[in-house]
């Protein structure tokens, strides 16, 4: 039987950056012990690292300068101070990019988030339950959670903070899923170990994950050829040579059609260039104004943006660190890395390796290649999350959650409460972080994840009357 609690209980499912940030900002709102009990379900040993920041590959770097990484919007240099105090800047010989700014190894940010939540763990305000959730269901006015370790929890509210479901294997590779040199999920520890130094490698995808793979292989001394494919052959861009202020106003008169928005972005980039700015400044403005831009668009237009413009947005919005960009540029210049706009037509396994048929997008020609290894870097399958995570699939079957209309995650209303296919809300069930993008727009970058965590913390506090409860406890004390 679940243990009864004298104070409201909040279950946070997922203890990566999103879940940890939510717990931290809830704890900051309710610092008096006994106001609220938070239980974070996360199978990893420590909270705050998640998928992105639990990697210990030295080639995996944060793709923005350390001075722009923080859990606290009012304290932008929080992470930079942590890195300085821990001597990370001096111990990492490759910390600084060509622009003179520090782009640190990703694991260091996971350490930072972990250090920020630790005091609340020590005080007992937050509990880390190191296991995965297997079921979530209604129990009267509360929520009953079941975990893989056999434990149960009765909660007054639940925040779903899982962010990065496993990638989907392309259909052409389904019959080879058990092949030792088909790397279906490159984010797993030591995933690239089967690849030999002289292996011919096919990388499916051209985004940040693809860049991580190329940089990691380079770091491990790989010198075989690499072919990286995607539908449009777009590679993640690098940073501006010098820092720039954001340029452009997209919210005073918000666009309500996707085509209008795209034309407006192009016009603004031209204006920026005349004013001495690069496209980076315009994309930064869109990112900062992203929620208002997105929410002004009707659902039909949001879907058009996702279908037609998202690949272009991703490669400009999610930029590679200068250190990684240098590796990619050198590999291309040396003829080791080639980037193609191509489709996977078919794959067979032979003694000589994988025989792969690729259809070139521009010419339509089909050519056969032989590779020794294949790495899938298409990124998290957010659109399939309700099918790939069992407890979410069960919630959908129970009519409590649904896929968002844009295919970006889970449907929720403007207060981040989950809604079903009819738009009916499930009070007490919140969607936090990237899976709420269908409603809130840009929610992948740390500033937006943090802002949304603060927002959801406020919603939870209001729902459970935590401010009044804390005041009552303070007066009693």
Protein backbone atom coordinates (compact mmCIF):
# COMPACT_ATOMS: atom_id res chain seq x y z
CA UNK A 1 0.00 0.00 0.00
CA UNK A 2 1.24 3.52 -0.74
CA UNK A 3 2.41 5.52 2.27
CA UNK A 4 0.14 8.41 3.26
CA UNK A 5 1.69 11.86 3.48
CA UNK A 6 0.75 14.76 5.76
CA UNK A 7 1.64 17.31 3.07
CA UNK A 8 0.86 17.46 -0.66
CA UNK A 9 2.86 15.02 -2.76
CA UNK A 10 4.13 15.84 -6.24
CA UNK A 11 5.52 13.06 -8.42
CA UNK A 12 7.97 14.13 -11.11
CA UNK A 13 8.51 11.42 -13.71
CA UNK A 14 11.93 11.97 -15.24
CA UNK A 15 14.92 13.44 -13.45
CA UNK A 16 16.97 14.92 -16.26
CA UNK A 17 17.38 18.67 -16.65
CA UNK A 18 13.62 19.26 -17.03
CA UNK A 19 12.62 17.24 -13.97
CA UNK A 20 15.47 18.55 -11.84
CA UNK A 21 14.79 22.17 -12.84
CA UNK A 22 11.11 21.73 -11.97
CA UNK A 23 11.98 20.25 -8.57
CA UNK A 24 14.50 23.02 -7.86
CA UNK A 25 12.10 25.83 -8.70
CA UNK A 26 9.29 24.21 -6.72
CA UNK A 27 11.65 23.88 -3.77
CA UNK A 28 12.67 27.52 -4.10
CA UNK A 29 8.99 28.49 -3.95
CA UNK A 30 8.43 26.24 -0.93
CA UNK A 31 11.67 26.22 1.11
CA UNK A 32 9.91 25.37 4.39
CA UNK A 33 10.26 21.64 5.07
CA UNK A 34 6.83 20.03 5.25
CA UNK A 35 5.17 22.33 2.73
CA UNK A 36 5.38 19.77 -0.04
CA UNK A 37 6.96 16.39 -0.69
CA UNK A 38 8.48 15.90 -4.13
CA UNK A 39 9.41 12.46 -5.42
CA UNK A 40 11.48 12.37 -8.60
CA UNK A 41 11.51 9.06 -10.47
CA UNK A 42 14.79 8.74 -12.37
CA UNK A 43 16.69 5.47 -12.96
CA UNK A 44 20.06 7.18 -13.35
CA UNK A 45 22.32 7.44 -10.33
CA UNK A 46 22.11 11.21 -10.08
CA UNK A 47 19.47 13.79 -10.86
CA UNK A 48 19.93 16.54 -13.41
CA UNK A 49 22.04 14.92 -16.10
CA UNK A 50 19.44 13.14 -18.20
CA UNK A 51 20.32 11.88 -21.64
CA UNK A 52 22.13 14.96 -22.91
CA UNK A 53 24.41 15.58 -19.93
CA UNK A 54 25.13 12.07 -18.68
CA UNK A 55 27.59 11.41 -21.50
CA UNK A 56 31.24 11.18 -20.53
CA UNK A 57 32.61 11.33 -24.05
CA UNK A 58 35.16 14.18 -24.04
CA UNK A 59 34.18 15.15 -27.59
CA UNK A 60 30.58 15.82 -26.53
CA UNK A 61 30.40 19.55 -25.83
CA UNK A 62 27.67 21.96 -24.84
CA UNK A 63 26.76 23.79 -28.02
CA UNK A 64 26.47 27.24 -26.42
CA UNK A 65 29.01 29.19 -24.32
CA UNK A 66 29.08 28.38 -20.61
CA UNK A 67 28.06 31.95 -19.78
CA UNK A 68 24.66 31.34 -21.37
CA UNK A 69 23.91 28.13 -19.44
CA UNK A 70 22.02 28.52 -16.18
CA UNK A 71 19.06 27.18 -14.22
CA UNK A 72 18.22 30.68 -13.03
CA UNK A 73 17.19 33.39 -15.52
CA UNK A 74 18.09 36.07 -12.95
CA UNK A 75 21.59 34.61 -12.49
CA UNK A 76 22.98 33.96 -16.00
CA UNK A 77 26.53 33.19 -14.81
CA UNK A 78 25.55 30.51 -12.30
CA UNK A 79 27.02 27.63 -14.32
CA UNK A 80 30.09 29.64 -15.29
CA UNK A 81 30.83 30.26 -11.59
CA UNK A 82 30.42 26.55 -10.89
CA UNK A 83 32.82 25.68 -13.70
CA UNK A 84 35.33 28.24 -12.46
CA UNK A 85 35.10 27.07 -8.84
CA UNK A 86 35.59 23.45 -9.92
CA UNK A 87 38.61 24.37 -12.12
CA UNK A 88 36.82 22.95 -15.16
CA UNK A 89 37.98 25.82 -17.37
CA UNK A 90 41.64 25.25 -16.52
CA UNK A 91 41.58 21.44 -16.54
CA UNK A 92 39.92 21.18 -19.97
CA UNK A 93 42.63 22.02 -22.50
CA UNK A 94 40.10 22.35 -25.32
CA UNK A 95 37.49 24.32 -23.38
CA UNK A 96 37.70 27.49 -25.43
CA UNK A 97 36.38 27.78 -28.96
CA UNK A 98 37.77 29.86 -31.79
CA UNK A 99 35.58 32.76 -30.62
CA UNK A 100 37.38 32.82 -27.26
CA UNK A 101 34.35 31.57 -25.32
CA UNK A 102 34.18 28.36 -23.23
CA UNK A 103 32.16 25.46 -24.67
CA UNK A 104 32.50 22.85 -21.97
CA UNK A 105 32.08 19.10 -21.98
CA UNK A 106 28.44 18.21 -21.51
CA UNK A 107 28.98 16.10 -18.41
CA UNK A 108 30.06 19.23 -16.53
CA UNK A 109 26.60 20.75 -16.86
CA UNK A 110 25.04 17.56 -15.52
CA UNK A 111 27.35 17.89 -12.51
CA UNK A 112 26.20 21.48 -12.07
CA UNK A 113 22.48 20.63 -12.09
CA UNK A 114 23.12 17.74 -9.71
CA UNK A 115 24.93 20.07 -7.31
CA UNK A 116 22.04 22.54 -7.41
CA UNK A 117 19.40 19.99 -6.44
CA UNK A 118 21.54 18.25 -3.81
CA UNK A 119 20.69 20.64 -0.94
CA UNK A 120 16.99 19.92 -1.40
CA UNK A 121 17.71 16.19 -1.38
CA UNK A 122 19.70 16.62 1.83
CA UNK A 123 16.84 18.56 3.45
CA UNK A 124 14.30 15.93 2.46
CA UNK A 125 12.23 18.35 0.37
CA UNK A 126 13.06 16.27 -2.71
CA UNK A 127 13.35 12.48 -2.81
CA UNK A 128 15.14 10.67 -5.62
CA UNK A 129 13.55 7.32 -6.31
CA UNK A 130 16.09 5.56 -8.53
CA UNK A 131 13.73 3.55 -10.67
CA UNK A 132 11.45 3.88 -13.68
CA UNK A 133 7.70 4.44 -13.58
CA UNK A 134 5.70 1.58 -15.07
CA UNK A 135 2.19 2.87 -14.46
CA UNK A 136 0.26 6.04 -13.66
CA UNK A 137 -3.47 6.04 -13.00
CA UNK A 138 -6.25 7.87 -11.22
CA UNK A 139 -7.06 6.91 -7.64
CA UNK A 140 -10.01 9.03 -6.59
CA UNK A 141 -8.80 12.63 -6.67
CA UNK A 142 -5.18 11.51 -6.52
CA UNK A 143 -2.72 9.67 -8.76
CA UNK A 144 -1.27 6.22 -8.14
CA UNK A 145 2.20 5.58 -9.54
CA UNK A 146 3.80 2.16 -9.80
CA UNK A 147 7.53 1.73 -10.30
CA UNK A 148 9.81 -0.91 -11.73
CA UNK A 149 11.31 -1.61 -8.29
CA UNK A 150 7.87 -2.55 -6.94
CA UNK A 151 7.31 0.66 -5.03
CA UNK A 152 4.10 2.68 -5.26
CA UNK A 153 3.30 6.33 -4.59
CA UNK A 154 0.04 8.15 -4.05
CA UNK A 155 0.47 11.69 -5.36
CA UNK A 156 -1.69 14.79 -5.42
CA UNK A 157 -0.17 15.88 -8.73
CA UNK A 158 2.09 14.41 -11.39
CA UNK A 159 4.49 16.16 -13.74
CA UNK A 160 5.61 14.16 -16.76
CA UNK A 161 9.15 15.36 -17.41
CA UNK A 162 10.51 12.64 -19.68
CA UNK A 163 12.06 14.43 -22.62
CA UNK A 164 13.96 12.21 -25.01
CA UNK A 165 12.41 8.89 -26.06
CA UNK A 166 14.60 6.48 -27.98
CA UNK A 167 15.01 7.08 -31.73
CA UNK A 168 12.93 5.11 -34.20
CA UNK A 169 14.83 2.68 -36.41
CA UNK A 170 14.24 3.36 -40.13
CA UNK A 171 12.03 0.69 -41.72
CA UNK A 172 14.79 -0.39 -44.11
CA UNK A 173 16.91 -1.39 -41.10
CA UNK A 174 14.25 -3.22 -39.09
CA UNK A 175 15.39 -6.66 -40.23
CA UNK A 176 18.96 -5.93 -39.12
CA UNK A 177 18.21 -4.50 -35.68
CA UNK A 178 20.31 -7.16 -33.92
CA UNK A 179 23.39 -6.71 -36.10
CA UNK A 180 26.35 -5.77 -33.85
CA UNK A 181 27.47 -2.99 -36.16
CA UNK A 182 24.08 -1.37 -36.54
CA UNK A 183 24.11 1.30 -33.84
CA UNK A 184 20.40 2.00 -33.39
CA UNK A 185 20.81 4.36 -30.42
CA UNK A 186 24.11 6.22 -30.38
CA UNK A 187 23.27 7.89 -27.06
CA UNK A 188 23.85 4.68 -25.11
CA UNK A 189 27.16 4.42 -23.21
CA UNK A 190 29.99 3.09 -25.42
CA UNK A 191 27.54 2.77 -28.30
CA UNK A 192 30.27 3.35 -30.89
CA UNK A 193 32.67 0.77 -29.47
CA UNK A 194 31.91 -1.82 -32.23
CA UNK A 195 33.22 0.59 -34.89
CA UNK A 196 36.82 -0.15 -35.88
CA UNK A 197 39.31 2.64 -36.77
CA UNK A 198 39.19 1.90 -40.51
CA UNK A 199 35.48 1.05 -40.78
CA UNK A 200 33.43 2.64 -43.53
CA UNK A 201 30.55 4.27 -41.65
CA UNK A 202 27.09 5.39 -42.76
CA UNK A 203 25.54 7.99 -40.46
CA UNK A 204 21.79 8.44 -40.88
CA UNK A 205 20.99 12.02 -39.88
CA UNK A 206 22.88 15.29 -40.13
CA UNK A 207 22.02 17.16 -36.94
CA UNK A 208 23.79 17.64 -33.62
CA UNK A 209 23.74 13.92 -32.83
CA UNK A 210 25.46 13.19 -36.13
CA UNK A 211 28.08 15.81 -35.29
CA UNK A 212 28.61 14.11 -31.92
CA UNK A 213 29.21 10.79 -33.65
CA UNK A 214 31.77 12.21 -36.08
CA UNK A 215 33.56 14.09 -33.27
CA UNK A 216 33.61 11.01 -31.04
CA UNK A 217 34.95 8.77 -33.80
CA UNK A 218 37.64 11.35 -34.52
CA UNK A 219 38.54 11.47 -30.82
CA UNK A 220 38.95 7.68 -30.83
CA UNK A 221 41.28 7.72 -33.84
CA UNK A 222 38.84 6.62 -36.51
CA UNK A 223 40.14 7.29 -40.03
CA UNK A 224 37.71 5.38 -42.24
CA UNK A 225 35.33 7.13 -44.59
CA UNK A 226 32.03 8.50 -43.26
CA UNK A 227 28.94 9.24 -45.33
CA UNK A 228 26.26 11.25 -43.52
CA UNK A 229 22.80 11.42 -45.09
CA UNK A 230 19.55 13.26 -44.49
CA UNK A 231 16.61 14.16 -46.69
CA UNK A 232 17.88 17.65 -47.37
CA UNK A 233 21.57 17.21 -46.69
CA UNK A 234 21.52 20.07 -44.18
CA UNK A 235 24.34 20.17 -41.66
CA UNK A 236 24.12 21.96 -38.30
CA UNK A 237 25.57 25.46 -38.57
CA UNK A 238 28.20 27.03 -36.35
CA UNK A 239 28.14 30.13 -34.17
CA UNK A 240 28.68 33.73 -35.24
CA UNK A 241 32.30 34.87 -35.11
CA UNK A 242 31.39 37.62 -32.63
CA UNK A 243 28.58 38.02 -30.11
CA UNK A 244 25.46 39.81 -31.40
CA UNK A 245 22.25 41.11 -29.93
CA UNK A 246 19.02 39.51 -31.13
CA UNK A 247 17.59 41.24 -34.20
CA UNK A 248 13.94 41.34 -35.23
CA UNK A 249 10.43 41.77 -33.85
CA UNK A 250 8.03 38.94 -34.65
CA UNK A 251 5.44 39.47 -31.90
CA UNK A 252 4.16 43.05 -32.22
CA UNK A 253 2.29 41.91 -35.32
CA UNK A 254 2.43 38.10 -35.12
CA UNK A 255 2.11 36.06 -38.29
CA UNK A 256 -0.88 33.74 -38.54
CA UNK A 257 0.26 31.85 -41.64
CA UNK A 258 3.37 29.70 -41.98
CA UNK A 259 4.25 31.13 -45.40
CA UNK A 260 4.00 34.68 -44.10
CA UNK A 261 6.26 33.85 -41.16
CA UNK A 262 8.90 32.26 -43.40
CA UNK A 263 8.90 35.27 -45.77
CA UNK A 264 9.14 37.57 -42.79
CA UNK A 265 12.14 35.71 -41.41
CA UNK A 266 13.91 35.94 -44.76
CA UNK A 267 13.18 39.67 -45.02
CA UNK A 268 14.43 40.23 -41.48
CA UNK A 269 17.67 38.37 -42.23
CA UNK A 270 18.23 40.67 -45.21
CA UNK A 271 17.59 43.70 -42.99
CA UNK A 272 19.96 42.30 -40.37
CA UNK A 273 22.74 41.84 -42.91
CA UNK A 274 22.35 45.45 -44.06
CA UNK A 275 22.65 46.52 -40.41
CA UNK A 276 25.83 44.50 -39.92
CA UNK A 277 24.30 41.45 -38.24
CA UNK A 278 24.37 37.82 -39.39
CA UNK A 279 21.44 35.41 -39.57
CA UNK A 280 22.37 34.20 -36.08
CA UNK A 281 20.90 37.37 -34.54
CA UNK A 282 17.55 36.83 -36.25
CA UNK A 283 17.31 33.18 -35.23
CA UNK A 284 18.13 34.20 -31.65
CA UNK A 285 15.27 36.70 -31.74
CA UNK A 286 12.87 34.02 -33.00
CA UNK A 287 14.02 31.66 -30.26
CA UNK A 288 13.47 34.28 -27.56
CA UNK A 289 10.02 35.18 -28.94
CA UNK A 290 9.22 31.60 -29.91
CA UNK A 291 6.30 30.92 -27.58
CA UNK A 292 4.34 34.00 -28.67
CA UNK A 293 5.16 33.37 -32.33
CA UNK A 294 4.00 29.76 -32.06
CA UNK A 295 0.82 30.42 -30.12
CA UNK A 296 -0.30 33.02 -32.67
CA UNK A 297 -0.34 30.33 -35.37
CA UNK A 298 -3.44 28.16 -35.89
CA UNK A 299 -2.86 24.42 -35.48
CA UNK A 300 -2.95 23.86 -39.25
CA UNK A 301 -0.16 26.40 -39.74
CA UNK A 302 1.88 24.92 -36.90
CA UNK A 303 1.73 21.57 -38.67
CA UNK A 304 2.96 23.20 -41.88
CA UNK A 305 5.90 24.70 -40.02
CA UNK A 306 6.81 21.30 -38.56
CA UNK A 307 6.50 19.55 -41.91
CA UNK A 308 8.22 22.08 -44.15
CA UNK A 309 10.40 24.42 -42.11
CA UNK A 310 11.54 22.43 -39.09
CA UNK A 311 14.66 20.90 -40.72
CA UNK A 312 15.90 24.38 -41.67
CA UNK A 313 15.07 25.73 -38.22
CA UNK A 314 16.88 22.88 -36.47
CA UNK A 315 20.19 23.32 -38.29
CA UNK A 316 20.23 27.08 -37.66
CA UNK A 317 18.83 27.01 -34.14
CA UNK A 318 20.89 24.11 -32.78
CA UNK A 319 24.46 25.08 -33.60
CA UNK A 320 27.58 23.02 -33.09
CA UNK A 321 30.32 24.09 -30.70
CA UNK A 322 33.37 25.55 -32.49
CA UNK A 323 35.51 22.59 -31.43
CA UNK A 324 33.08 20.17 -33.07
CA UNK A 325 32.65 22.37 -36.13
CA UNK A 326 36.43 22.31 -36.62
CA UNK A 327 36.43 18.49 -36.60
CA UNK A 328 33.63 18.38 -39.17
CA UNK A 329 35.25 20.97 -41.44
CA UNK A 330 38.60 19.17 -41.37
CA UNK A 331 36.97 15.80 -42.08
CA UNK A 332 35.12 17.25 -45.08
CA UNK A 333 38.25 18.99 -46.37
CA UNK A 334 40.26 15.77 -46.06
CA UNK A 335 37.64 13.79 -47.98
CA UNK A 336 36.91 11.58 -44.99
CA UNK A 337 33.39 12.93 -44.42
CA UNK A 338 30.81 13.49 -47.14
CA UNK A 339 27.34 14.87 -46.53
CA UNK A 340 24.54 13.87 -48.88
CA UNK A 341 20.90 14.71 -49.46
CA UNK A 342 19.72 11.15 -49.95
CA UNK A 343 17.14 8.57 -48.95
CA UNK A 344 17.72 5.06 -47.67
CA UNK A 345 16.27 2.74 -50.33
CA UNK A 346 17.38 -0.64 -49.05
CA UNK A 347 19.96 -2.39 -46.87
CA UNK A 348 21.25 -5.96 -46.85
CA UNK A 349 23.92 -7.61 -44.76
CA UNK A 350 26.76 -9.34 -46.61
CA UNK A 351 30.13 -10.79 -45.69
CA UNK A 352 31.76 -7.57 -46.87
CA UNK A 353 29.47 -5.42 -44.71
CA UNK A 354 26.19 -3.62 -45.31
CA UNK A 355 25.17 -3.13 -48.92
CA UNK A 356 23.18 0.09 -48.92
CA UNK A 357 21.15 1.63 -51.75
CA UNK A 358 20.91 5.41 -51.52
CA UNK A 359 18.67 7.56 -53.67
CA UNK A 360 20.09 11.03 -54.30
CA UNK A 361 17.47 13.72 -53.68
CA UNK A 362 18.58 16.10 -56.44
CA UNK A 363 19.24 13.67 -59.30
CA UNK A 364 16.97 10.82 -58.26
CA UNK A 365 19.79 8.40 -59.04
CA UNK A 366 20.20 5.27 -56.94
CA UNK A 367 23.70 4.13 -56.07
CA UNK A 368 24.97 1.19 -54.03
CA UNK A 369 27.55 1.56 -51.27
CA UNK A 370 29.21 -0.85 -48.88
CA UNK A 371 29.64 0.13 -45.25
CA UNK A 372 31.10 -1.70 -42.28
CA UNK A 373 28.90 0.07 -39.73
CA UNK A 374 25.71 2.13 -39.61
CA UNK A 375 24.88 4.72 -36.93
CA UNK A 376 21.34 6.08 -36.61
CA UNK A 377 21.34 9.71 -35.45
CA UNK A 378 17.82 10.82 -36.33
CA UNK A 379 17.20 12.02 -32.77
CA UNK A 380 14.49 11.27 -30.20
CA UNK A 381 11.19 10.02 -31.61
CA UNK A 382 9.01 12.59 -29.85
CA UNK A 383 6.10 11.85 -32.17
CA UNK A 384 6.13 8.18 -31.09
CA UNK A 385 6.50 8.81 -27.37
CA UNK A 386 3.01 7.54 -26.49
CA UNK A 387 3.84 4.21 -28.10
CA UNK A 388 7.45 3.81 -26.96
CA UNK A 389 6.98 4.51 -23.23
CA UNK A 390 4.55 2.00 -21.65
CA UNK A 391 3.12 4.15 -18.86
CA UNK A 392 2.31 6.90 -21.37
CA UNK A 393 0.67 4.37 -23.68
CA UNK A 394 -1.49 3.24 -20.75
CA UNK A 395 -2.47 6.82 -19.92
CA UNK A 396 -3.53 7.28 -23.53
CA UNK A 397 -5.59 4.07 -23.46
CA UNK A 398 -7.28 5.35 -20.31
CA UNK A 399 -8.24 8.53 -22.15
CA UNK A 400 -6.14 10.81 -19.95
CA UNK A 401 -3.54 12.01 -22.48
CA UNK A 402 -3.22 12.28 -26.25
CA UNK A 403 -0.65 13.13 -28.90
CA UNK A 404 -0.40 16.80 -29.76
CA UNK A 405 -1.73 17.78 -33.17
CA UNK A 406 1.72 18.80 -34.41
CA UNK A 407 3.35 15.44 -33.65
CA UNK A 408 5.89 17.06 -31.33
CA UNK A 409 4.84 15.38 -28.10
CA UNK A 410 1.89 15.27 -25.70
CA UNK A 411 -1.16 17.52 -25.93
CA UNK A 412 -1.65 20.00 -23.11
CA UNK A 413 -3.50 23.25 -22.53
CA UNK A 414 -2.00 26.69 -21.91
CA UNK A 415 -1.49 25.85 -18.24
CA UNK A 416 0.49 22.72 -19.22
CA UNK A 417 -2.22 20.33 -18.00
CA UNK A 418 -2.56 17.20 -20.14
CA UNK A 419 -5.64 17.00 -22.35
CA UNK A 420 -7.30 14.13 -24.16
CA UNK A 421 -8.33 13.98 -27.82
CA UNK A 422 -11.47 16.01 -27.13
CA UNK A 423 -9.56 18.74 -25.30
CA UNK A 424 -10.75 17.64 -21.86
CA UNK A 425 -8.15 18.38 -19.18
CA UNK A 426 -6.80 15.94 -16.59
CA UNK A 427 -6.43 18.15 -13.48
CA UNK A 428 -3.23 17.46 -11.61
CA UNK A 429 -1.42 15.88 -14.57
CA UNK A 430 1.15 18.25 -16.06
CA UNK A 431 3.46 18.04 -19.07
CA UNK A 432 6.85 19.66 -18.47
CA UNK A 433 9.64 20.35 -20.92
CA UNK A 434 10.11 19.41 -24.59
CA UNK A 435 7.06 17.14 -24.79
CA UNK A 436 4.89 20.26 -24.35
CA UNK A 437 6.27 21.89 -27.51
CA UNK A 438 3.07 21.39 -29.45
CA UNK A 439 1.41 23.98 -27.20
CA UNK A 440 4.31 26.20 -26.18
CA UNK A 441 6.59 26.13 -29.22
CA UNK A 442 10.35 26.36 -28.71
CA UNK A 443 11.15 24.17 -25.69
CA UNK A 444 14.40 22.43 -26.53
CA UNK A 445 16.98 25.03 -25.51
CA UNK A 446 17.95 25.36 -21.85
CA UNK A 447 16.56 28.91 -21.39
CA UNK A 448 13.14 27.77 -22.60
CA UNK A 449 13.25 24.53 -20.59
CA UNK A 450 14.10 26.54 -17.47
CA UNK A 451 11.40 29.15 -18.10
CA UNK A 452 8.85 26.40 -18.62
CA UNK A 453 9.95 24.62 -15.44
CA UNK A 454 9.39 27.87 -13.52
CA UNK A 455 5.98 28.23 -15.16
CA UNK A 456 4.91 24.67 -14.32
CA UNK A 457 6.21 25.11 -10.76
CA UNK A 458 3.88 28.09 -10.45
CA UNK A 459 0.95 26.13 -11.86
CA UNK A 460 1.55 23.25 -9.44
CA UNK A 461 1.89 25.65 -6.54
CA UNK A 462 -1.44 27.26 -7.37
CA UNK A 463 -3.17 23.91 -7.93
CA UNK A 464 -2.09 22.60 -4.53
CA UNK A 465 -2.26 25.94 -2.65
CA UNK A 466 1.37 25.51 -1.64
CA UNK A 467 1.95 29.20 -0.94
CA UNK A 468 -0.83 29.21 1.68
CA UNK A 469 0.45 25.97 3.18
CA UNK A 470 3.98 27.33 3.46
CA UNK A 471 2.69 30.52 5.10
CA UNK A 472 0.75 28.44 7.61
CA UNK A 473 3.83 26.36 8.46
CA UNK A 474 5.97 29.49 8.77
CA UNK A 475 3.48 31.06 11.20
CA UNK A 476 3.31 27.83 13.21
CA UNK A 477 7.11 27.70 13.39
